[in-house]
C-alpha atoms as a PDB file:
ATOM      1  CA  MET A   1      81.282  99.370 109.524  1.00  0.00           C
ATOM      2  CA  GLU A   2      80.705  98.839 105.800  1.00  0.00           C
ATOM      3  CA  GLN A   3      84.251 100.014 105.005  1.00  0.00           C
ATOM      4  CA  ASN A   4      85.756  97.628 107.572  1.00  0.00           C
ATOM      5  CA  ASP A   5      83.647  94.763 106.221  1.00  0.00           C
ATOM      6  CA  ASN A   6      84.813  95.483 102.687  1.00  0.00           C
ATOM      7  CA  ILE A   7      88.468  95.694 103.772  1.00  0.00           C
ATOM      8  CA  THR A   8      88.103  92.225 105.292  1.00  0.00           C
ATOM      9  CA  ARG A   9      86.268  91.080 102.167  1.00  0.00           C
ATOM     10  CA  LEU A  10      89.093  92.337  99.946  1.00  0.00           C
ATOM     11  CA  ALA A  11      91.720  90.658 102.123  1.00  0.00           C
ATOM     12  CA  HIS A  12      89.874  87.357 101.712  1.00  0.00           C
ATOM     13  CA  ASP A  13      89.515  87.911  97.957  1.00  0.00           C
ATOM     14  CA  LEU A  14      93.231  88.609  97.636  1.00  0.00           C
ATOM     15  CA  SER A  15      94.131  85.534  99.698  1.00  0.00           C
ATOM     16  CA  ARG A  16      92.142  83.371  97.269  1.00  0.00           C
ATOM     17  CA  SER A  17      93.356  85.122  94.133  1.00  0.00           C
ATOM     18  CA  ARG A  18      95.675  83.359  91.693  1.00  0.00           C
ATOM     19  CA  LYS A  19      96.605  86.535  89.795  1.00  0.00           C
ATOM     20  CA  ALA A  20      95.768  89.989  91.150  1.00  0.00           C
ATOM     21  CA  ILE A  21      96.714  93.239  89.412  1.00  0.00           C
ATOM     22  CA  ALA A  22      96.224  96.923  90.185  1.00  0.00           C
ATOM     23  CA  LEU A  23      95.233  99.812  87.927  1.00  0.00           C
ATOM     24  CA  THR A  24      96.170 103.153  89.468  1.00  0.00           C
ATOM     25  CA  GLY A  25      95.407 106.744  88.576  1.00  0.00           C
ATOM     26  CA  ALA A  26      96.008 110.267  89.814  1.00  0.00           C
ATOM     27  CA  GLY A  27      94.130 109.701  93.070  1.00  0.00           C
ATOM     28  CA  ILE A  28      96.809 107.428  94.525  1.00  0.00           C
ATOM     29  CA  SER A  29      99.474 110.143  94.131  1.00  0.00           C
ATOM     30  CA  VAL A  30      97.384 113.023  95.474  1.00  0.00           C
ATOM     31  CA  GLU A  31      98.347 111.825  98.964  1.00  0.00           C
ATOM     32  CA  SER A  32     101.990 112.324  97.934  1.00  0.00           C
ATOM     33  CA  GLY A  33     101.314 115.967  97.109  1.00  0.00           C
ATOM     34  CA  ILE A  34     100.825 115.581  93.358  1.00  0.00           C
ATOM     35  CA  PRO A  35      97.492 117.248  92.523  1.00  0.00           C
ATOM     36  CA  ASP A  36      95.003 115.743  90.104  1.00  0.00           C
ATOM     37  CA  PHE A  37      95.356 117.956  87.034  1.00  0.00           C
ATOM     38  CA  ARG A  38      91.662 117.558  86.241  1.00  0.00           C
ATOM     39  CA  SER A  39      90.419 118.631  89.669  1.00  0.00           C
ATOM     40  CA  ALA A  40      89.193 122.119  90.540  1.00  0.00           C
ATOM     41  CA  GLY A  41      92.222 124.371  90.735  1.00  0.00           C
ATOM     42  CA  GLY A  42      94.340 121.739  89.000  1.00  0.00           C
ATOM     43  CA  LEU A  43      96.807 122.318  86.209  1.00  0.00           C
ATOM     44  CA  TRP A  44      94.184 122.142  83.480  1.00  0.00           C
ATOM     45  CA  SER A  45      92.293 125.051  85.031  1.00  0.00           C
ATOM     46  CA  ARG A  46      95.359 127.223  84.315  1.00  0.00           C
ATOM     47  CA  TYR A  47      96.682 125.630  81.150  1.00  0.00           C
ATOM     48  CA  ASP A  48      94.476 124.488  78.281  1.00  0.00           C
ATOM     49  CA  PRO A  49      95.435 120.802  77.899  1.00  0.00           C
ATOM     50  CA  MET A  50      94.609 120.845  74.198  1.00  0.00           C
ATOM     51  CA  GLU A  51      97.224 123.573  73.812  1.00  0.00           C
ATOM     52  CA  TYR A  52      99.849 122.661  76.395  1.00  0.00           C
ATOM     53  CA  ALA A  53      99.531 118.870  76.561  1.00  0.00           C
ATOM     54  CA  HIS A  54      98.902 118.062  72.900  1.00  0.00           C
ATOM     55  CA  ILE A  55     101.771 116.821  70.782  1.00  0.00           C
ATOM     56  CA  ASP A  56     100.918 119.362  68.072  1.00  0.00           C
ATOM     57  CA  GLY A  57     101.391 122.180  70.591  1.00  0.00           C
ATOM     58  CA  PHE A  58     104.749 120.789  71.609  1.00  0.00           C
ATOM     59  CA  ARG A  59     105.893 120.478  68.013  1.00  0.00           C
ATOM     60  CA  ARG A  60     104.785 124.076  67.268  1.00  0.00           C
ATOM     61  CA  ASP A  61     106.410 125.737  70.274  1.00  0.00           C
ATOM     62  CA  PRO A  62     108.272 123.381  72.644  1.00  0.00           C
ATOM     63  CA  VAL A  63     109.889 126.251  74.555  1.00  0.00           C
ATOM     64  CA  LYS A  64     106.439 127.612  75.471  1.00  0.00           C
ATOM     65  CA  ILE A  65     105.254 124.173  76.602  1.00  0.00           C
ATOM     66  CA  TRP A  66     108.268 123.830  78.881  1.00  0.00           C
ATOM     67  CA  ASN A  67     106.860 126.682  80.998  1.00  0.00           C
ATOM     68  CA  MET A  68     104.224 124.185  82.118  1.00  0.00           C
ATOM     69  CA  LEU A  69     106.417 121.080  82.043  1.00  0.00           C
ATOM     70  CA  ARG A  70     108.972 122.418  84.506  1.00  0.00           C
ATOM     71  CA  GLU A  71     106.139 123.091  86.970  1.00  0.00           C
ATOM     72  CA  ILE A  72     105.040 119.453  86.697  1.00  0.00           C
ATOM     73  CA  ILE A  73     108.586 118.120  87.002  1.00  0.00           C
ATOM     74  CA  GLN A  74     109.269 120.257  90.073  1.00  0.00           C
ATOM     75  CA  VAL A  75     106.183 118.886  91.838  1.00  0.00           C
ATOM     76  CA  ILE A  76     107.030 115.289  90.924  1.00  0.00           C
ATOM     77  CA  GLU A  77     110.662 115.626  91.983  1.00  0.00           C
ATOM     78  CA  GLY A  78     109.517 116.763  95.431  1.00  0.00           C
ATOM     79  CA  ALA A  79     107.042 113.904  95.887  1.00  0.00           C
ATOM     80  CA  ARG A  80     107.661 110.707  97.820  1.00  0.00           C
ATOM     81  CA  PRO A  81     105.741 107.400  97.827  1.00  0.00           C
ATOM     82  CA  ASN A  82     102.862 107.302 100.287  1.00  0.00           C
ATOM     83  CA  SER A  83     101.479 104.383 102.263  1.00  0.00           C
ATOM     84  CA  ALA A  84      99.290 103.271  99.346  1.00  0.00           C
ATOM     85  CA  HIS A  85     102.265 102.921  97.006  1.00  0.00           C
ATOM     86  CA  LYS A  86     104.149 101.070  99.743  1.00  0.00           C
ATOM     87  CA  ALA A  87     101.215  98.733 100.428  1.00  0.00           C
ATOM     88  CA  LEU A  88     101.051  97.716  96.759  1.00  0.00           C
ATOM     89  CA  ALA A  89     104.789  97.016  96.803  1.00  0.00           C
ATOM     90  CA  GLU A  90     104.256  94.881  99.920  1.00  0.00           C
ATOM     91  CA  LEU A  91     101.477  92.915  98.176  1.00  0.00           C
ATOM     92  CA  GLU A  92     103.913  92.195  95.356  1.00  0.00           C
ATOM     93  CA  ARG A  93     106.582  91.036  97.838  1.00  0.00           C
ATOM     94  CA  MET A  94     103.975  88.757  99.431  1.00  0.00           C
ATOM     95  CA  GLY A  95     103.466  87.096  96.050  1.00  0.00           C
ATOM     96  CA  ILE A  96      99.891  88.341  95.722  1.00  0.00           C
ATOM     97  CA  LEU A  97     100.062  91.250  93.292  1.00  0.00           C
ATOM     98  CA  SER A  98     101.296  90.364  89.825  1.00  0.00           C
ATOM     99  CA  SER A  99     101.679  93.884  88.439  1.00  0.00           C
ATOM    100  CA  VAL A 100     100.738  97.529  88.733  1.00  0.00           C
ATOM    101  CA  ILE A 101      99.388  99.212  85.619  1.00  0.00           C
ATOM    102  CA  THR A 102      99.606 102.933  86.228  1.00  0.00           C
ATOM    103  CA  GLN A 103      98.281 105.929  84.350  1.00  0.00           C
ATOM    104  CA  ASN A 104     100.648 108.097  86.399  1.00  0.00           C
ATOM    105  CA  VAL A 105     104.009 109.291  85.132  1.00  0.00           C
ATOM    106  CA  ASP A 106     105.617 110.052  88.505  1.00  0.00           C
ATOM    107  CA  GLY A 107     107.614 106.860  89.137  1.00  0.00           C
ATOM    108  CA  LEU A 108     106.341 106.595  92.718  1.00  0.00           C
ATOM    109  CA  HIS A 109     105.417 102.923  92.432  1.00  0.00           C
ATOM    110  CA  GLN A 110     109.005 102.050  91.567  1.00  0.00           C
ATOM    111  CA  ALA A 111     110.292 104.335  94.321  1.00  0.00           C
ATOM    112  CA  ALA A 112     108.084 102.444  96.792  1.00  0.00           C
ATOM    113  CA  GLY A 113     109.594  99.124  95.727  1.00  0.00           C
ATOM    114  CA  SER A 114     107.189  97.761  93.103  1.00  0.00           C
ATOM    115  CA  ARG A 115     109.127  95.842  90.456  1.00  0.00           C
ATOM    116  CA  ARG A 116     106.504  94.997  87.818  1.00  0.00           C
ATOM    117  CA  VAL A 117     105.131  98.417  86.851  1.00  0.00           C
ATOM    118  CA  ILE A 118     103.534  98.988  83.456  1.00  0.00           C
ATOM    119  CA  GLU A 119     103.641 102.733  82.752  1.00  0.00           C
ATOM    120  CA  PHE A 120     100.638 103.109  80.468  1.00  0.00           C
ATOM    121  CA  HIS A 121     101.188 106.816  79.827  1.00  0.00           C
ATOM    122  CA  GLY A 122     104.988 106.863  79.950  1.00  0.00           C
ATOM    123  CA  THR A 123     107.244 108.465  82.548  1.00  0.00           C
ATOM    124  CA  ASN A 124     108.536 111.882  83.516  1.00  0.00           C
ATOM    125  CA  ARG A 125     111.772 110.262  84.681  1.00  0.00           C
ATOM    126  CA  PHE A 126     113.120 110.299  81.122  1.00  0.00           C
ATOM    127  CA  LEU A 127     113.370 112.814  78.283  1.00  0.00           C
ATOM    128  CA  VAL A 128     113.305 111.893  74.599  1.00  0.00           C
ATOM    129  CA  CYS A 129     114.216 113.596  71.342  1.00  0.00           C
ATOM    130  CA  LEU A 130     111.470 113.526  68.723  1.00  0.00           C
ATOM    131  CA  SER A 131     114.029 114.194  65.999  1.00  0.00           C
ATOM    132  CA  CYS A 132     116.736 111.576  66.520  1.00  0.00           C
ATOM    133  CA  GLY A 133     115.410 109.259  69.265  1.00  0.00           C
ATOM    134  CA  PHE A 134     117.940 110.219  71.967  1.00  0.00           C
ATOM    135  CA  ARG A 135     116.709 109.273  75.471  1.00  0.00           C
ATOM    136  CA  ALA A 136     118.181 110.088  78.876  1.00  0.00           C
ATOM    137  CA  GLU A 137     117.146 110.524  82.505  1.00  0.00           C
ATOM    138  CA  THR A 138     115.462 113.829  83.296  1.00  0.00           C
ATOM    139  CA  ALA A 139     117.741 114.237  86.320  1.00  0.00           C
ATOM    140  CA  ALA A 140     120.714 114.667  83.960  1.00  0.00           C
ATOM    141  CA  PHE A 141     119.346 118.052  82.828  1.00  0.00           C
ATOM    142  CA  ASP A 142     118.728 121.346  84.620  1.00  0.00           C
ATOM    143  CA  THR A 143     115.081 121.545  83.580  1.00  0.00           C
ATOM    144  CA  GLN A 144     114.243 124.270  86.109  1.00  0.00           C
ATOM    145  CA  ASN A 145     116.614 126.824  84.619  1.00  0.00           C
ATOM    146  CA  GLU A 146     117.047 125.712  81.016  1.00  0.00           C
ATOM    147  CA  VAL A 147     115.018 124.229  78.187  1.00  0.00           C
ATOM    148  CA  PRO A 148     116.671 120.818  77.746  1.00  0.00           C
ATOM    149  CA  ARG A 149     118.098 120.177  74.301  1.00  0.00           C
ATOM    150  CA  CYS A 150     119.304 117.013  72.644  1.00  0.00           C
ATOM    151  CA  PRO A 151     123.110 116.718  72.836  1.00  0.00           C
ATOM    152  CA  SER A 152     123.056 114.855  69.532  1.00  0.00           C
ATOM    153  CA  CYS A 153     120.963 117.083  67.282  1.00  0.00           C
ATOM    154  CA  GLY A 154     120.052 120.184  69.322  1.00  0.00           C
ATOM    155  CA  ALA A 155     116.268 119.689  69.250  1.00  0.00           C
ATOM    156  CA  VAL A 156     114.215 120.492  72.362  1.00  0.00           C
ATOM    157  CA  LEU A 157     113.707 117.346  74.410  1.00  0.00           C
ATOM    158  CA  LYS A 158     110.270 116.125  75.477  1.00  0.00           C
ATOM    159  CA  PRO A 159     109.322 114.193  78.620  1.00  0.00           C
ATOM    160  CA  ASP A 160     108.815 110.542  77.716  1.00  0.00           C
ATOM    161  CA  VAL A 161     105.108 110.757  78.515  1.00  0.00           C
ATOM    162  CA  VAL A 162     102.113 110.308  76.274  1.00  0.00           C
ATOM    163  CA  PHE A 163     100.797 113.683  75.145  1.00  0.00           C
ATOM    164  CA  PHE A 164      97.302 114.038  73.709  1.00  0.00           C
ATOM    165  CA  GLY A 165      97.487 113.023  70.069  1.00  0.00           C
ATOM    166  CA  GLU A 166     100.192 110.427  70.712  1.00  0.00           C
ATOM    167  CA  PRO A 167      99.647 106.658  70.798  1.00  0.00           C
ATOM    168  CA  ILE A 168     100.027 104.588  73.933  1.00  0.00           C
ATOM    169  CA  PRO A 169     103.411 102.797  73.838  1.00  0.00           C
ATOM    170  CA  ALA A 170     102.740  99.505  72.073  1.00  0.00           C
ATOM    171  CA  ASP A 171     104.573  97.344  74.621  1.00  0.00           C
ATOM    172  CA  ALA A 172     102.752  98.954  77.551  1.00  0.00           C
ATOM    173  CA  MET A 173      99.341  98.446  75.930  1.00  0.00           C
ATOM    174  CA  ARG A 174     100.089  94.850  75.000  1.00  0.00           C
ATOM    175  CA  GLU A 175     101.374  93.983  78.481  1.00  0.00           C
ATOM    176  CA  ALA A 176      98.530  95.785  80.270  1.00  0.00           C
ATOM    177  CA  PHE A 177      95.778  94.143  78.243  1.00  0.00           C
ATOM    178  CA  GLU A 178      97.413  90.733  78.617  1.00  0.00           C
ATOM    179  CA  GLU A 179      97.563  91.218  82.383  1.00  0.00           C
ATOM    180  CA  ALA A 180      93.889  92.216  82.372  1.00  0.00           C
ATOM    181  CA  ARG A 181      92.896  89.108  80.399  1.00  0.00           C
ATOM    182  CA  ARG A 182      94.785  86.793  82.762  1.00  0.00           C
ATOM    183  CA  ALA A 183      93.837  88.422  86.078  1.00  0.00           C
ATOM    184  CA  ASP A 184      91.188  87.047  88.400  1.00  0.00           C
ATOM    185  CA  LEU A 185      91.135  90.183  90.575  1.00  0.00           C
ATOM    186  CA  VAL A 186      91.712  93.821  89.634  1.00  0.00           C
ATOM    187  CA  LEU A 187      92.171  96.643  92.129  1.00  0.00           C
ATOM    188  CA  VAL A 188      91.138  99.952  90.557  1.00  0.00           C
ATOM    189  CA  ILE A 189      92.713 102.637  92.724  1.00  0.00           C
ATOM    190  CA  GLY A 190      92.388 106.408  92.525  1.00  0.00           C
ATOM    191  CA  THR A 191      91.046 106.566  89.003  1.00  0.00           C
ATOM    192  CA  SER A 192      87.665 107.288  87.454  1.00  0.00           C
ATOM    193  CA  ALA A 193      88.649 104.950  84.597  1.00  0.00           C
ATOM    194  CA  VAL A 194      87.258 107.245  81.922  1.00  0.00           C
ATOM    195  CA  VAL A 195      90.457 107.989  79.978  1.00  0.00           C
ATOM    196  CA  PHE A 196      90.628 105.727  76.936  1.00  0.00           C
ATOM    197  CA  PRO A 197      92.181 103.208  76.366  1.00  0.00           C
ATOM    198  CA  ALA A 198      93.216 102.618  80.012  1.00  0.00           C
ATOM    199  CA  SER A 199      89.500 102.656  80.818  1.00  0.00           C
ATOM    200  CA  ASP A 200      89.178  99.351  78.931  1.00  0.00           C
ATOM    201  CA  ILE A 201      91.345  97.460  81.419  1.00  0.00           C
ATOM    202  CA  PRO A 202      88.648  96.790  84.069  1.00  0.00           C
ATOM    203  CA  SER A 203      86.147  95.816  81.351  1.00  0.00           C
ATOM    204  CA  ILE A 204      88.582  93.409  79.696  1.00  0.00           C
ATOM    205  CA  ALA A 205      89.271  91.783  83.057  1.00  0.00           C
ATOM    206  CA  LYS A 206      85.560  91.532  83.824  1.00  0.00           C
ATOM    207  CA  GLU A 207      84.892  89.904  80.462  1.00  0.00           C
ATOM    208  CA  HIS A 208      87.395  87.245  81.482  1.00  0.00           C
ATOM    209  CA  SER A 209      85.561  86.632  84.782  1.00  0.00           C
ATOM    210  CA  ALA A 210      87.788  88.707  87.069  1.00  0.00           C
ATOM    211  CA  ARG A 211      86.543  90.352  90.218  1.00  0.00           C
ATOM    212  CA  VAL A 212      86.918  94.156  90.068  1.00  0.00           C
ATOM    213  CA  VAL A 213      87.297  96.142  93.284  1.00  0.00           C
ATOM    214  CA  GLU A 214      87.424  99.943  93.443  1.00  0.00           C
ATOM    215  CA  ILE A 215      89.286 101.966  96.059  1.00  0.00           C
ATOM    216  CA  ASN A 216      88.334 105.576  95.545  1.00  0.00           C
ATOM    217  CA  LEU A 217      87.078 108.686  97.309  1.00  0.00           C
ATOM    218  CA  GLU A 218      83.931 108.810  95.182  1.00  0.00           C
ATOM    219  CA  GLU A 219      81.786 106.579  93.025  1.00  0.00           C
ATOM    220  CA  THR A 220      82.743 106.349  89.354  1.00  0.00           C
ATOM    221  CA  SER A 221      81.252 105.017  86.154  1.00  0.00           C
ATOM    222  CA  LEU A 222      82.533 101.583  87.228  1.00  0.00           C
ATOM    223  CA  THR A 223      80.593 101.613  90.507  1.00  0.00           C
ATOM    224  CA  GLY A 224      77.602  99.317  90.377  1.00  0.00           C
ATOM    225  CA  THR A 225      78.391  98.260  86.815  1.00  0.00           C
ATOM    226  CA  ILE A 226      81.850  96.820  86.215  1.00  0.00           C
ATOM    227  CA  ALA A 227      83.041  96.927  89.840  1.00  0.00           C
ATOM    228  CA  ASP A 228      81.925  94.206  92.248  1.00  0.00           C
ATOM    229  CA  TYR A 229      82.257  96.606  95.157  1.00  0.00           C
ATOM    230  CA  LEU A 230      83.724  99.956  96.143  1.00  0.00           C
ATOM    231  CA  ILE A 231      85.764 100.718  99.248  1.00  0.00           C
ATOM    232  CA  LYS A 232      85.287 104.437  99.644  1.00  0.00           C
ATOM    233  CA  GLY A 233      88.125 106.414 101.197  1.00  0.00           C
ATOM    234  CA  PRO A 234      91.798 107.379 100.795  1.00  0.00           C
ATOM    235  CA  ALA A 235      93.934 104.589  99.365  1.00  0.00           C
ATOM    236  CA  GLY A 236      96.698 105.548 101.800  1.00  0.00           C
ATOM    237  CA  GLN A 237      94.450 104.515 104.677  1.00  0.00           C
ATOM    238  CA  ILE A 238      92.662 101.562 103.110  1.00  0.00           C
ATOM    239  CA  LEU A 239      95.488  99.609 101.472  1.00  0.00           C
ATOM    240  CA  PRO A 240      97.695  99.308 104.613  1.00  0.00           C
ATOM    241  CA  GLN A 241      94.640  97.955 106.463  1.00  0.00           C
ATOM    242  CA  VAL A 242      94.079  95.427 103.686  1.00  0.00           C
ATOM    243  CA  VAL A 243      97.709  94.290 103.926  1.00  0.00           C
ATOM    244  CA  SER A 244      97.500  94.028 107.714  1.00  0.00           C
ATOM    245  CA  THR A 245      94.263  92.016 107.558  1.00  0.00           C
ATOM    246  CA  LEU A 246      95.737  89.759 104.897  1.00  0.00           C
ATOM    247  CA  LYS A 247      98.792  89.034 107.034  1.00  0.00           C
ATOM    248  CA  THR A 248      96.509  88.169 109.964  1.00  0.00           C
ATOM    249  CA  LEU A 249      94.595  85.763 107.741  1.00  0.00           C
ATOM    250  CA  ARG A 250      97.822  84.136 106.584  1.00  0.00           C
ATOM    251  CA  ASN A 251      99.093  83.772 110.152  1.00  0.00           C
ATOM    252  CA  GLY A 252      95.835  82.141 111.102  1.00  0.00           C
ATOM    253  CA  GLU A 253      96.229  79.617 108.311  1.00  0.00           C
ATOM    254  CA  SER A 254      99.813  78.703 109.292  1.00  0.00           C
END
């Protein structure tokens, strides 16, 4: 009953919102078959992230790092948007959701139809050359059978994602923090919000009087502190119900 009450509560909050945004993390894509790397049995239990996901490791031995990268790319290429991604895209089409700020690099929000997506940690959909700046779509290379090299200078290409030791893209950080300052409601979906600096986004919004609502399987450090309330459960089940309830509310007002 509490979950249903909170779904209705969120629908009402969204209907009254002037500017709602979403912050998403690995949890929203787990339902699309992309595992959370930090979970038990996840990628980081098999590969030391400080070795395989640090920019220094890539610079030292990029061919070695590609043994892990092609595994990630293969999983992402086989994934499709789930009902949570689609529900956020629907909220944008309804004129309610201003933007999605995502810590994910899988491109599933765009595939679901979201247009304003701020990719805080970059994207696996593109490869870049650290030597000359060349950039091209990952799909243009046979990453499963070859180590992709820059056609301009011959250097090993790197996914255009933020490795440990690299800065967040300046434009993404500026846009995300500006959205947080201007929002009056923030949906925090599928993330524990502990990875800095993305973890600052709910706090920045709260400091500017926004309502913060979590949708997550478990409580996080935001629960009972920054978040106004938590709707516990899979985002793929909760968000479509929120959209449906919101449409009912709108029909009742018309």
